[in-house]
Amino acid sequence: MQQRRHGTDPARPLYTAEERARRDATPWTLVQGVLAPVQFLVFLISVVLVLRYLQTGQGEQAATLSIVIKTLLLYTIMITGCIWEKVVFGRYLFAPAFFWEDVFSMLVLALHTAYLVALFTGSMPIREQMLLALAAYAAYAINATQFLLKLRAARLQAEADAAGDEAAADLSDHSSNGQPSPGVTA
């Protein structure tokens, strides 16, 4: 089967054994595991504040501050994520296992950065800034879903690997003494 140039080859596991070992050993995995839900919580709060502002015209400062905090968290998770990717896969961005997630992350970063530029330069009215933030948030939601699906794939891969290891051990036990191991029927 021919490997695709970008993205993951369907036959290739998400992590090789070496990559999984590096992933499990690096403290950056825990950093990502903490930052991701914090960023998501800030995102949810900010969406409510932005929608409230758009509906009522009230709470502009709270909505604006929440968007800035969300954007700073995004920058933080992107920087630490690049470090994590370098440790695990040997490159800061666009490792084959996370290529499309990284590509879409660039759009998310661009939209959040465009919001900050609009905010600090005053180049857009407040209402349009809030709509731009919502566009950035929609892209973020898609990107977060990509990563959640990737985490699920990694968990399923780990379960399959564990089941394969258990089956191999059972076969080894069976072949070494000529008797089936407990729980294995011939």
C-alpha atoms as a PDB file:
ATOM      1  CA  MET A   1       0.000   0.000   0.000  1.00  0.00           C
ATOM      2  CA  GLN A   2       1.365   3.384  -0.952  1.00  0.00           C
ATOM      3  CA  GLN A   3       1.806   5.891   1.874  1.00  0.00           C
ATOM      4  CA  ARG A   4       0.118   9.238   1.401  1.00  0.00           C
ATOM      5  CA  ARG A   5       2.481  12.180   1.334  1.00  0.00           C
ATOM      6  CA  HIS A   6       0.697  14.129   4.057  1.00  0.00           C
ATOM      7  CA  GLY A   7      -1.309  12.784   6.938  1.00  0.00           C
ATOM      8  CA  THR A   8      -1.257   9.304   8.279  1.00  0.00           C
ATOM      9  CA  ASP A   9      -1.005   6.118   6.295  1.00  0.00           C
ATOM     10  CA  PRO A  10      -4.064   4.056   7.240  1.00  0.00           C
ATOM     11  CA  ALA A  11      -1.806   1.020   7.768  1.00  0.00           C
ATOM     12  CA  ARG A  12       0.621   2.913  10.015  1.00  0.00           C
ATOM     13  CA  PRO A  13      -0.278   3.139  13.688  1.00  0.00           C
ATOM     14  CA  LEU A  14      -0.643   6.628  15.129  1.00  0.00           C
ATOM     15  CA  TYR A  15       2.432   6.062  17.297  1.00  0.00           C
ATOM     16  CA  THR A  16       5.292   3.648  16.834  1.00  0.00           C
ATOM     17  CA  ALA A  17       6.426   1.907  20.014  1.00  0.00           C
ATOM     18  CA  GLU A  18       9.306   4.404  20.291  1.00  0.00           C
ATOM     19  CA  GLU A  19       7.035   7.412  19.770  1.00  0.00           C
ATOM     20  CA  ARG A  20       4.569   6.095  22.333  1.00  0.00           C
ATOM     21  CA  ALA A  21       7.404   5.643  24.830  1.00  0.00           C
ATOM     22  CA  ARG A  22       8.582   9.229  24.214  1.00  0.00           C
ATOM     23  CA  ARG A  23       4.975  10.495  24.473  1.00  0.00           C
ATOM     24  CA  ASP A  24       4.470   8.718  27.785  1.00  0.00           C
ATOM     25  CA  ALA A  25       7.843   9.849  29.177  1.00  0.00           C
ATOM     26  CA  THR A  26       7.731  13.559  28.348  1.00  0.00           C
ATOM     27  CA  PRO A  27       6.238  16.039  30.820  1.00  0.00           C
ATOM     28  CA  TRP A  28       4.877  17.956  27.809  1.00  0.00           C
ATOM     29  CA  THR A  29       2.132  15.348  27.485  1.00  0.00           C
ATOM     30  CA  LEU A  30       0.827  16.329  30.915  1.00  0.00           C
ATOM     31  CA  VAL A  31       1.181  20.025  30.053  1.00  0.00           C
ATOM     32  CA  GLN A  32      -0.980  19.506  26.965  1.00  0.00           C
ATOM     33  CA  GLY A  33      -3.421  17.415  28.991  1.00  0.00           C
ATOM     34  CA  VAL A  34      -3.867  20.276  31.463  1.00  0.00           C
ATOM     35  CA  LEU A  35      -3.879  23.188  29.004  1.00  0.00           C
ATOM     36  CA  ALA A  36      -6.377  21.673  26.566  1.00  0.00           C
ATOM     37  CA  PRO A  37      -9.332  21.427  28.985  1.00  0.00           C
ATOM     38  CA  VAL A  38      -8.470  24.822  30.525  1.00  0.00           C
ATOM     39  CA  GLN A  39      -8.516  26.385  27.068  1.00  0.00           C
ATOM     40  CA  PHE A  40     -11.805  24.641  26.285  1.00  0.00           C
ATOM     41  CA  LEU A  41     -13.391  25.939  29.496  1.00  0.00           C
ATOM     42  CA  VAL A  42     -12.256  29.494  28.689  1.00  0.00           C
ATOM     43  CA  PHE A  43     -13.625  29.006  25.162  1.00  0.00           C
ATOM     44  CA  LEU A  44     -17.060  28.018  26.510  1.00  0.00           C
ATOM     45  CA  ILE A  45     -17.180  30.981  28.894  1.00  0.00           C
ATOM     46  CA  SER A  46     -16.015  33.335  26.166  1.00  0.00           C
ATOM     47  CA  VAL A  47     -18.622  32.098  23.676  1.00  0.00           C
ATOM     48  CA  VAL A  48     -21.337  32.886  26.210  1.00  0.00           C
ATOM     49  CA  LEU A  49     -19.881  36.357  26.880  1.00  0.00           C
ATOM     50  CA  VAL A  50     -19.490  37.161  23.178  1.00  0.00           C
ATOM     51  CA  LEU A  51     -23.023  35.996  22.351  1.00  0.00           C
ATOM     52  CA  ARG A  52     -24.356  37.990  25.283  1.00  0.00           C
ATOM     53  CA  TYR A  53     -22.626  41.099  23.974  1.00  0.00           C
ATOM     54  CA  LEU A  54     -23.911  40.511  20.443  1.00  0.00           C
ATOM     55  CA  GLN A  55     -27.482  40.041  21.693  1.00  0.00           C
ATOM     56  CA  THR A  56     -27.641  42.772  24.329  1.00  0.00           C
ATOM     57  CA  GLY A  57     -24.743  45.136  23.666  1.00  0.00           C
ATOM     58  CA  GLN A  58     -23.700  44.626  27.299  1.00  0.00           C
ATOM     59  CA  GLY A  59     -20.487  43.127  28.620  1.00  0.00           C
ATOM     60  CA  GLU A  60     -18.102  44.330  25.929  1.00  0.00           C
ATOM     61  CA  GLN A  61     -15.113  44.452  28.280  1.00  0.00           C
ATOM     62  CA  ALA A  62     -15.767  40.985  29.704  1.00  0.00           C
ATOM     63  CA  ALA A  63     -16.224  39.508  26.229  1.00  0.00           C
ATOM     64  CA  THR A  64     -13.092  41.237  24.936  1.00  0.00           C
ATOM     65  CA  LEU A  65     -10.996  40.135  27.919  1.00  0.00           C
ATOM     66  CA  SER A  66     -12.238  36.558  27.535  1.00  0.00           C
ATOM     67  CA  ILE A  67     -11.214  36.503  23.865  1.00  0.00           C
ATOM     68  CA  VAL A  68      -7.757  37.830  24.701  1.00  0.00           C
ATOM     69  CA  ILE A  69      -7.328  35.220  27.449  1.00  0.00           C
ATOM     70  CA  LYS A  70      -8.533  32.457  25.099  1.00  0.00           C
ATOM     71  CA  THR A  71      -6.069  33.645  22.443  1.00  0.00           C
ATOM     72  CA  LEU A  72      -3.161  33.713  24.905  1.00  0.00           C
ATOM     73  CA  LEU A  73      -4.048  30.183  25.988  1.00  0.00           C
ATOM     74  CA  LEU A  74      -4.136  29.159  22.323  1.00  0.00           C
ATOM     75  CA  TYR A  75      -0.643  30.594  21.773  1.00  0.00           C
ATOM     76  CA  THR A  76       0.589  28.800  24.897  1.00  0.00           C
ATOM     77  CA  ILE A  77      -0.851  25.444  23.886  1.00  0.00           C
ATOM     78  CA  MET A  78       0.529  25.859  20.355  1.00  0.00           C
ATOM     79  CA  ILE A  79       4.051  26.562  21.639  1.00  0.00           C
ATOM     80  CA  THR A  80       3.984  23.707  24.143  1.00  0.00           C
ATOM     81  CA  GLY A  81       2.348  21.481  21.518  1.00  0.00           C
ATOM     82  CA  CYS A  82       5.198  22.194  19.109  1.00  0.00           C
ATOM     83  CA  ILE A  83       7.687  21.219  21.812  1.00  0.00           C
ATOM     84  CA  TRP A  84       5.679  18.046  22.504  1.00  0.00           C
ATOM     85  CA  GLU A  85       5.608  17.195  18.791  1.00  0.00           C
ATOM     86  CA  LYS A  86       9.384  17.724  18.550  1.00  0.00           C
ATOM     87  CA  VAL A  87      10.012  15.414  21.521  1.00  0.00           C
ATOM     88  CA  VAL A  88       7.646  12.697  20.297  1.00  0.00           C
ATOM     89  CA  PHE A  89       8.033  12.871  16.503  1.00  0.00           C
ATOM     90  CA  GLY A  90      11.311  14.744  15.951  1.00  0.00           C
ATOM     91  CA  ARG A  91       9.772  17.843  14.339  1.00  0.00           C
ATOM     92  CA  TYR A  92       8.055  20.911  15.689  1.00  0.00           C
ATOM     93  CA  LEU A  93       5.096  20.863  13.326  1.00  0.00           C
ATOM     94  CA  PHE A  94       3.495  18.816  10.586  1.00  0.00           C
ATOM     95  CA  ALA A  95       4.558  15.380  11.800  1.00  0.00           C
ATOM     96  CA  PRO A  96       2.697  12.901   9.582  1.00  0.00           C
ATOM     97  CA  ALA A  97       0.554  11.660  12.491  1.00  0.00           C
ATOM     98  CA  PHE A  98      -0.750  15.197  13.159  1.00  0.00           C
ATOM     99  CA  PHE A  99      -0.299  16.854   9.769  1.00  0.00           C
ATOM    100  CA  TRP A 100      -3.914  17.881   9.111  1.00  0.00           C
ATOM    101  CA  GLU A 101      -4.498  18.932  12.707  1.00  0.00           C
ATOM    102  CA  ASP A 102      -1.434  21.184  12.446  1.00  0.00           C
ATOM    103  CA  VAL A 103      -2.572  22.603   9.104  1.00  0.00           C
ATOM    104  CA  PHE A 104      -5.960  23.516  10.534  1.00  0.00           C
ATOM    105  CA  SER A 105      -4.261  24.898  13.654  1.00  0.00           C
ATOM    106  CA  MET A 106      -2.595  27.465  11.385  1.00  0.00           C
ATOM    107  CA  LEU A 107      -6.040  28.726  10.344  1.00  0.00           C
ATOM    108  CA  VAL A 108      -7.118  28.857  13.993  1.00  0.00           C
ATOM    109  CA  LEU A 109      -3.992  30.871  14.862  1.00  0.00           C
ATOM    110  CA  ALA A 110      -4.506  33.209  11.910  1.00  0.00           C
ATOM    111  CA  LEU A 111      -8.104  33.977  12.887  1.00  0.00           C
ATOM    112  CA  HIS A 112      -7.267  34.549  16.556  1.00  0.00           C
ATOM    113  CA  THR A 113      -4.319  36.747  15.564  1.00  0.00           C
ATOM    114  CA  ALA A 114      -6.516  38.713  13.155  1.00  0.00           C
ATOM    115  CA  TYR A 115      -8.854  39.362  16.075  1.00  0.00           C
ATOM    116  CA  LEU A 116      -5.993  40.735  18.199  1.00  0.00           C
ATOM    117  CA  VAL A 117      -4.808  42.933  15.314  1.00  0.00           C
ATOM    118  CA  ALA A 118      -8.346  44.285  14.876  1.00  0.00           C
ATOM    119  CA  LEU A 119      -8.673  44.863  18.611  1.00  0.00           C
ATOM    120  CA  PHE A 120      -5.359  46.665  19.091  1.00  0.00           C
ATOM    121  CA  THR A 121      -5.506  48.711  15.884  1.00  0.00           C
ATOM    122  CA  GLY A 122      -9.199  49.520  16.043  1.00  0.00           C
ATOM    123  CA  SER A 123      -9.420  48.584  12.364  1.00  0.00           C
ATOM    124  CA  MET A 124     -12.858  46.971  12.838  1.00  0.00           C
ATOM    125  CA  PRO A 125     -15.913  48.020  14.813  1.00  0.00           C
ATOM    126  CA  ILE A 126     -16.501  46.050  18.035  1.00  0.00           C
ATOM    127  CA  ARG A 127     -19.413  44.037  16.608  1.00  0.00           C
ATOM    128  CA  GLU A 128     -17.283  42.838  13.665  1.00  0.00           C
ATOM    129  CA  GLN A 129     -14.454  42.019  16.069  1.00  0.00           C
ATOM    130  CA  MET A 130     -16.851  39.810  18.031  1.00  0.00           C
ATOM    131  CA  LEU A 131     -18.004  38.117  14.822  1.00  0.00           C
ATOM    132  CA  LEU A 132     -14.374  37.538  13.875  1.00  0.00           C
ATOM    133  CA  ALA A 133     -13.835  35.990  17.298  1.00  0.00           C
ATOM    134  CA  LEU A 134     -16.782  33.675  16.687  1.00  0.00           C
ATOM    135  CA  ALA A 135     -15.271  32.646  13.339  1.00  0.00           C
ATOM    136  CA  ALA A 136     -12.002  31.929  15.153  1.00  0.00           C
ATOM    137  CA  TYR A 137     -13.951  29.932  17.726  1.00  0.00           C
ATOM    138  CA  ALA A 138     -15.712  27.891  15.041  1.00  0.00           C
ATOM    139  CA  ALA A 139     -12.324  27.001  13.556  1.00  0.00           C
ATOM    140  CA  TYR A 140     -11.041  26.186  17.046  1.00  0.00           C
ATOM    141  CA  ALA A 141     -14.030  23.886  17.672  1.00  0.00           C
ATOM    142  CA  ILE A 142     -13.297  21.980  14.465  1.00  0.00           C
ATOM    143  CA  ASN A 143      -9.608  21.749  15.366  1.00  0.00           C
ATOM    144  CA  ALA A 144     -10.390  20.594  18.910  1.00  0.00           C
ATOM    145  CA  THR A 145     -12.622  17.895  17.420  1.00  0.00           C
ATOM    146  CA  GLN A 146      -9.753  16.781  15.179  1.00  0.00           C
ATOM    147  CA  PHE A 147      -7.523  16.387  18.221  1.00  0.00           C
ATOM    148  CA  LEU A 148     -10.217  14.595  20.243  1.00  0.00           C
ATOM    149  CA  LEU A 149     -10.681  12.120  17.402  1.00  0.00           C
ATOM    150  CA  LYS A 150      -6.915  11.634  17.278  1.00  0.00           C
ATOM    151  CA  LEU A 151      -6.837  10.993  21.045  1.00  0.00           C
ATOM    152  CA  ARG A 152      -9.616   8.450  20.622  1.00  0.00           C
ATOM    153  CA  ALA A 153      -7.655   6.756  17.831  1.00  0.00           C
ATOM    154  CA  ALA A 154      -4.586   6.620  20.089  1.00  0.00           C
ATOM    155  CA  ARG A 155      -6.642   5.073  22.901  1.00  0.00           C
ATOM    156  CA  LEU A 156      -8.130   2.484  20.524  1.00  0.00           C
ATOM    157  CA  GLN A 157      -4.653   1.730  19.179  1.00  0.00           C
ATOM    158  CA  ALA A 158      -3.335   1.224  22.717  1.00  0.00           C
ATOM    159  CA  GLU A 159      -6.255  -1.120  23.512  1.00  0.00           C
ATOM    160  CA  ALA A 160      -5.642  -3.090  20.309  1.00  0.00           C
ATOM    161  CA  ASP A 161      -1.922  -3.288  21.045  1.00  0.00           C
ATOM    162  CA  ALA A 162      -2.639  -4.517  24.579  1.00  0.00           C
ATOM    163  CA  ALA A 163      -5.087  -7.128  23.266  1.00  0.00           C
ATOM    164  CA  GLY A 164      -2.524  -8.213  20.670  1.00  0.00           C
ATOM    165  CA  ASP A 165       0.175  -8.503  23.331  1.00  0.00           C
ATOM    166  CA  GLU A 166      -2.166 -10.554  25.523  1.00  0.00           C
ATOM    167  CA  ALA A 167      -3.068 -12.849  22.618  1.00  0.00           C
ATOM    168  CA  ALA A 168       0.606 -13.285  21.757  1.00  0.00           C
ATOM    169  CA  ALA A 169       1.384 -14.142  25.371  1.00  0.00           C
ATOM    170  CA  ASP A 170      -1.442 -16.691  25.390  1.00  0.00           C
ATOM    171  CA  LEU A 171      -0.124 -18.263  22.187  1.00  0.00           C
ATOM    172  CA  SER A 172       3.364 -18.338  23.642  1.00  0.00           C
ATOM    173  CA  ASP A 173       2.094 -20.055  26.794  1.00  0.00           C
ATOM    174  CA  HIS A 174       0.153 -22.555  24.714  1.00  0.00           C
ATOM    175  CA  SER A 175       3.071 -23.400  22.443  1.00  0.00           C
ATOM    176  CA  SER A 176       5.649 -23.608  25.239  1.00  0.00           C
ATOM    177  CA  ASN A 177       4.012 -26.379  27.281  1.00  0.00           C
ATOM    178  CA  GLY A 178       1.584 -27.934  24.841  1.00  0.00           C
ATOM    179  CA  GLN A 179      -1.342 -27.036  27.091  1.00  0.00           C
ATOM    180  CA  PRO A 180      -3.692 -24.130  26.628  1.00  0.00           C
ATOM    181  CA  SER A 181      -3.301 -21.346  29.138  1.00  0.00           C
ATOM    182  CA  PRO A 182      -6.214 -20.612  31.443  1.00  0.00           C
ATOM    183  CA  GLY A 183      -9.094 -18.995  29.650  1.00  0.00           C
ATOM    184  CA  VAL A 184      -7.925 -20.141  26.203  1.00  0.00           C
ATOM    185  CA  THR A 185      -9.857 -22.857  24.453  1.00  0.00           C
ATOM    186  CA  ALA A 186      -8.277 -25.051  21.868  1.00  0.00           C
END
